[in-house]
N, C-alpha and C. Protein backbone atom coordinates (compact mmCIF):
# COMPACT_ATOMS: atom_id res chain seq x y z
N MET A 1 -11.99 -19.72 9.61
CA MET A 1 -10.70 -19.74 10.28
C MET A 1 -9.88 -18.52 9.83
N ILE A 2 -9.31 -17.81 10.76
CA ILE A 2 -8.48 -16.65 10.46
C ILE A 2 -7.06 -17.15 10.18
N ARG A 3 -6.53 -16.74 9.01
CA ARG A 3 -5.15 -17.09 8.68
C ARG A 3 -4.22 -16.12 9.43
N ALA A 4 -2.99 -16.55 9.67
CA ALA A 4 -2.03 -15.72 10.41
C ALA A 4 -1.84 -14.37 9.74
N VAL A 5 -1.84 -14.34 8.40
CA VAL A 5 -1.64 -13.08 7.68
C VAL A 5 -2.79 -12.10 7.94
N ASP A 6 -3.99 -12.62 8.16
CA ASP A 6 -5.17 -11.77 8.40
C ASP A 6 -5.04 -10.94 9.68
N GLU A 7 -4.33 -11.45 10.65
CA GLU A 7 -4.20 -10.76 11.93
C GLU A 7 -3.48 -9.41 11.81
N PHE A 8 -2.68 -9.24 10.77
CA PHE A 8 -1.94 -8.00 10.58
C PHE A 8 -2.77 -6.88 9.98
N PHE A 9 -3.95 -7.22 9.48
CA PHE A 9 -4.77 -6.24 8.76
C PHE A 9 -6.03 -5.88 9.53
N ASN A 10 -5.86 -5.58 10.80
CA ASN A 10 -6.95 -5.20 11.69
C ASN A 10 -7.24 -3.70 11.50
N LEU A 11 -8.47 -3.38 11.13
CA LEU A 11 -8.86 -1.99 10.90
C LEU A 11 -8.85 -1.16 12.19
N HIS A 12 -8.80 -1.82 13.33
CA HIS A 12 -8.74 -1.10 14.60
C HIS A 12 -7.30 -0.76 15.01
N ASP A 13 -6.35 -1.25 14.23
CA ASP A 13 -4.94 -0.96 14.50
C ASP A 13 -4.41 -0.06 13.38
N PHE A 14 -3.56 -0.59 12.54
CA PHE A 14 -2.89 0.22 11.52
C PHE A 14 -3.51 0.10 10.13
N ALA A 15 -4.31 -0.88 9.89
CA ALA A 15 -4.88 -1.10 8.56
C ALA A 15 -5.98 -0.10 8.24
N GLU A 16 -6.19 0.10 6.95
CA GLU A 16 -7.24 1.00 6.47
C GLU A 16 -7.68 0.52 5.10
N TYR A 17 -8.80 1.06 4.64
CA TYR A 17 -9.29 0.69 3.32
C TYR A 17 -8.61 1.51 2.24
N VAL A 18 -8.28 0.85 1.13
CA VAL A 18 -7.83 1.51 -0.09
C VAL A 18 -8.73 0.99 -1.20
N LYS A 19 -8.78 1.71 -2.31
CA LYS A 19 -9.70 1.33 -3.38
C LYS A 19 -8.93 1.15 -4.68
N VAL A 20 -9.16 0.00 -5.32
CA VAL A 20 -8.58 -0.30 -6.63
C VAL A 20 -9.71 -0.80 -7.52
N GLY A 21 -9.91 -0.13 -8.65
CA GLY A 21 -10.96 -0.56 -9.57
C GLY A 21 -12.34 -0.55 -8.96
N GLY A 22 -12.58 0.37 -8.03
CA GLY A 22 -13.88 0.48 -7.40
C GLY A 22 -14.12 -0.52 -6.28
N VAL A 23 -13.11 -1.32 -5.94
CA VAL A 23 -13.24 -2.35 -4.91
C VAL A 23 -12.38 -1.95 -3.71
N ASP A 24 -12.93 -2.10 -2.50
CA ASP A 24 -12.19 -1.81 -1.27
C ASP A 24 -11.32 -3.00 -0.88
N TYR A 25 -10.08 -2.69 -0.52
CA TYR A 25 -9.14 -3.67 0.01
C TYR A 25 -8.58 -3.12 1.31
N VAL A 26 -8.06 -4.00 2.14
CA VAL A 26 -7.46 -3.60 3.40
C VAL A 26 -5.94 -3.57 3.20
N ALA A 27 -5.31 -2.49 3.67
CA ALA A 27 -3.87 -2.33 3.51
C ALA A 27 -3.31 -1.54 4.67
N ILE A 28 -2.00 -1.59 4.80
CA ILE A 28 -1.28 -0.75 5.75
C ILE A 28 -0.48 0.24 4.91
N PHE A 29 -0.75 1.53 5.11
CA PHE A 29 -0.11 2.59 4.34
C PHE A 29 1.12 3.08 5.08
N ASP A 30 2.22 3.22 4.34
CA ASP A 30 3.47 3.70 4.90
C ASP A 30 4.02 4.75 3.95
N ASP A 31 4.27 5.95 4.45
CA ASP A 31 4.81 7.02 3.62
C ASP A 31 6.04 7.58 4.31
N GLU A 32 7.11 6.82 4.24
CA GLU A 32 8.37 7.23 4.87
C GLU A 32 8.88 8.50 4.20
N SER A 33 9.15 9.50 4.99
CA SER A 33 9.68 10.75 4.46
C SER A 33 11.17 10.84 4.75
N ILE A 34 11.89 11.38 3.79
CA ILE A 34 13.31 11.63 3.96
C ILE A 34 13.46 13.11 4.27
N ILE A 35 14.05 13.45 5.41
CA ILE A 35 14.17 14.83 5.87
C ILE A 35 15.62 15.30 5.68
N SER A 36 15.75 16.50 5.15
CA SER A 36 17.09 17.08 4.96
C SER A 36 17.60 17.64 6.29
N ASP A 37 18.84 18.10 6.28
CA ASP A 37 19.45 18.67 7.49
C ASP A 37 18.73 19.91 7.99
N ASN A 38 18.08 20.66 7.08
CA ASN A 38 17.36 21.87 7.51
C ASN A 38 15.86 21.60 7.71
N ASN A 39 15.50 20.34 7.94
CA ASN A 39 14.14 19.89 8.26
C ASN A 39 13.14 20.04 7.12
N ASP A 40 13.60 20.10 5.87
CA ASP A 40 12.70 20.07 4.72
C ASP A 40 12.47 18.62 4.30
N VAL A 41 11.24 18.33 3.90
CA VAL A 41 10.97 17.00 3.36
C VAL A 41 11.53 16.96 1.94
N VAL A 42 12.49 16.10 1.71
CA VAL A 42 13.14 16.01 0.42
C VAL A 42 12.37 15.07 -0.50
N THR A 43 11.94 13.97 0.03
CA THR A 43 11.22 12.99 -0.77
C THR A 43 10.40 12.11 0.16
N SER A 44 9.52 11.35 -0.42
CA SER A 44 8.79 10.35 0.35
C SER A 44 8.72 9.08 -0.47
N LYS A 45 8.50 7.98 0.23
CA LYS A 45 8.43 6.68 -0.41
C LYS A 45 7.11 6.01 -0.02
N PRO A 46 6.00 6.42 -0.64
CA PRO A 46 4.73 5.80 -0.25
C PRO A 46 4.66 4.34 -0.72
N GLN A 47 4.17 3.51 0.18
CA GLN A 47 3.99 2.11 -0.15
C GLN A 47 2.86 1.53 0.69
N LEU A 48 2.38 0.41 0.26
CA LEU A 48 1.32 -0.30 0.96
C LEU A 48 1.79 -1.71 1.25
N ILE A 49 1.37 -2.24 2.37
CA ILE A 49 1.53 -3.66 2.67
C ILE A 49 0.13 -4.25 2.56
N MET A 50 0.01 -5.28 1.74
CA MET A 50 -1.30 -5.89 1.51
C MET A 50 -1.16 -7.41 1.52
N LYS A 51 -2.29 -8.10 1.55
CA LYS A 51 -2.29 -9.55 1.42
C LYS A 51 -1.93 -9.89 -0.02
N ALA A 52 -1.00 -10.81 -0.19
CA ALA A 52 -0.56 -11.21 -1.53
C ALA A 52 -1.74 -11.72 -2.37
N ASP A 53 -2.67 -12.42 -1.74
CA ASP A 53 -3.84 -12.93 -2.48
C ASP A 53 -4.68 -11.80 -3.05
N ASP A 54 -4.72 -10.65 -2.39
CA ASP A 54 -5.54 -9.53 -2.84
C ASP A 54 -4.96 -8.81 -4.05
N VAL A 55 -3.66 -8.93 -4.27
CA VAL A 55 -3.02 -8.11 -5.31
C VAL A 55 -2.69 -8.89 -6.58
N GLU A 56 -3.11 -10.13 -6.66
CA GLU A 56 -2.76 -10.97 -7.81
C GLU A 56 -3.19 -10.37 -9.15
N GLU A 57 -4.29 -9.64 -9.16
CA GLU A 57 -4.79 -9.07 -10.41
C GLU A 57 -4.36 -7.62 -10.62
N PHE A 58 -3.63 -7.04 -9.68
CA PHE A 58 -3.17 -5.66 -9.83
C PHE A 58 -2.08 -5.61 -10.89
N ALA A 59 -1.95 -4.45 -11.53
CA ALA A 59 -0.95 -4.30 -12.58
C ALA A 59 -0.28 -2.93 -12.48
N TYR A 60 0.85 -2.80 -13.14
CA TYR A 60 1.60 -1.56 -13.21
C TYR A 60 0.68 -0.43 -13.68
N ASN A 61 0.74 0.68 -12.99
CA ASN A 61 -0.04 1.90 -13.26
C ASN A 61 -1.53 1.79 -12.98
N ASP A 62 -1.98 0.71 -12.35
CA ASP A 62 -3.37 0.68 -11.88
C ASP A 62 -3.55 1.81 -10.88
N GLU A 63 -4.70 2.44 -10.92
CA GLU A 63 -5.02 3.53 -10.00
C GLU A 63 -5.41 2.94 -8.65
N ILE A 64 -4.89 3.53 -7.59
CA ILE A 64 -5.23 3.10 -6.24
C ILE A 64 -5.49 4.35 -5.41
N ILE A 65 -6.58 4.37 -4.69
CA ILE A 65 -6.96 5.54 -3.89
C ILE A 65 -6.67 5.23 -2.44
N VAL A 66 -5.83 6.10 -1.86
CA VAL A 66 -5.43 5.98 -0.46
C VAL A 66 -5.69 7.31 0.21
N ARG A 67 -6.54 7.31 1.24
CA ARG A 67 -6.85 8.54 2.00
C ARG A 67 -7.26 9.67 1.06
N ASP A 68 -8.14 9.36 0.13
CA ASP A 68 -8.69 10.32 -0.84
C ASP A 68 -7.64 10.89 -1.80
N THR A 69 -6.51 10.25 -1.92
CA THR A 69 -5.46 10.68 -2.85
C THR A 69 -5.25 9.58 -3.88
N VAL A 70 -5.14 9.97 -5.14
CA VAL A 70 -4.93 9.01 -6.22
C VAL A 70 -3.43 8.74 -6.36
N TYR A 71 -3.09 7.47 -6.34
CA TYR A 71 -1.73 7.00 -6.58
C TYR A 71 -1.79 6.00 -7.73
N TYR A 72 -0.61 5.63 -8.22
CA TYR A 72 -0.50 4.63 -9.27
C TYR A 72 0.49 3.56 -8.82
N ILE A 73 0.14 2.32 -9.09
CA ILE A 73 0.98 1.20 -8.70
C ILE A 73 2.22 1.17 -9.59
N LYS A 74 3.38 1.14 -8.96
CA LYS A 74 4.64 1.13 -9.69
C LYS A 74 5.36 -0.21 -9.59
N GLN A 75 5.17 -0.90 -8.49
CA GLN A 75 5.83 -2.19 -8.33
C GLN A 75 5.06 -3.02 -7.32
N ILE A 76 4.98 -4.31 -7.57
CA ILE A 76 4.32 -5.25 -6.66
C ILE A 76 5.36 -6.30 -6.27
N MET A 77 5.61 -6.41 -4.97
CA MET A 77 6.66 -7.32 -4.49
C MET A 77 6.12 -8.30 -3.45
N PRO A 78 5.62 -9.47 -3.90
CA PRO A 78 5.20 -10.49 -2.94
C PRO A 78 6.43 -11.01 -2.17
N ASP A 79 6.22 -11.34 -0.90
CA ASP A 79 7.36 -11.78 -0.10
C ASP A 79 7.44 -13.29 0.08
N GLY A 80 6.47 -14.02 -0.44
CA GLY A 80 6.47 -15.47 -0.30
C GLY A 80 5.87 -15.96 1.00
N TYR A 81 5.44 -15.05 1.86
CA TYR A 81 4.85 -15.42 3.15
C TYR A 81 3.41 -14.94 3.29
N GLY A 82 2.81 -14.51 2.19
CA GLY A 82 1.41 -14.08 2.24
C GLY A 82 1.22 -12.57 2.20
N PHE A 83 2.32 -11.83 2.19
CA PHE A 83 2.26 -10.38 2.14
C PHE A 83 2.83 -9.88 0.81
N ALA A 84 2.46 -8.66 0.45
CA ALA A 84 3.05 -8.02 -0.72
C ALA A 84 3.24 -6.54 -0.40
N THR A 85 4.37 -6.00 -0.82
CA THR A 85 4.63 -4.57 -0.71
C THR A 85 4.31 -3.96 -2.07
N ILE A 86 3.49 -2.91 -2.06
CA ILE A 86 3.09 -2.23 -3.29
C ILE A 86 3.73 -0.85 -3.25
N ILE A 87 4.63 -0.59 -4.18
CA ILE A 87 5.24 0.73 -4.31
C ILE A 87 4.29 1.58 -5.14
N ILE A 88 3.94 2.75 -4.63
CA ILE A 88 2.97 3.63 -5.31
C ILE A 88 3.55 5.02 -5.50
N SER A 89 2.98 5.74 -6.45
CA SER A 89 3.44 7.09 -6.75
C SER A 89 2.25 7.93 -7.20
N LYS A 90 2.32 9.23 -6.94
CA LYS A 90 1.29 10.13 -7.44
C LYS A 90 1.46 10.40 -8.93
N ASP A 91 2.63 10.09 -9.45
CA ASP A 91 2.92 10.28 -10.87
C ASP A 91 2.59 9.03 -11.66
N MET A 92 1.92 9.21 -12.78
CA MET A 92 1.64 8.08 -13.63
C MET A 92 2.87 7.80 -14.45
């Protein structure tokens, strides 16, 4: 049986594989960029949306590979509805 939360992680839509500890997980990657008035990228806020069940064993500064780029987990925020937002950074 497919749970309602599973429907959001379709690899044919926005979801993609990320790797933590050598294991593939499905996530939705979001890298919101903040643009200055002169069109320079000032900062970005990379984050992942994942199934809360998948991130229970993740910890601060765990390495996570997204699109062949190494990031580090900075914050894990479960929402109580089966999802979790993972704040990530290229800086350890």
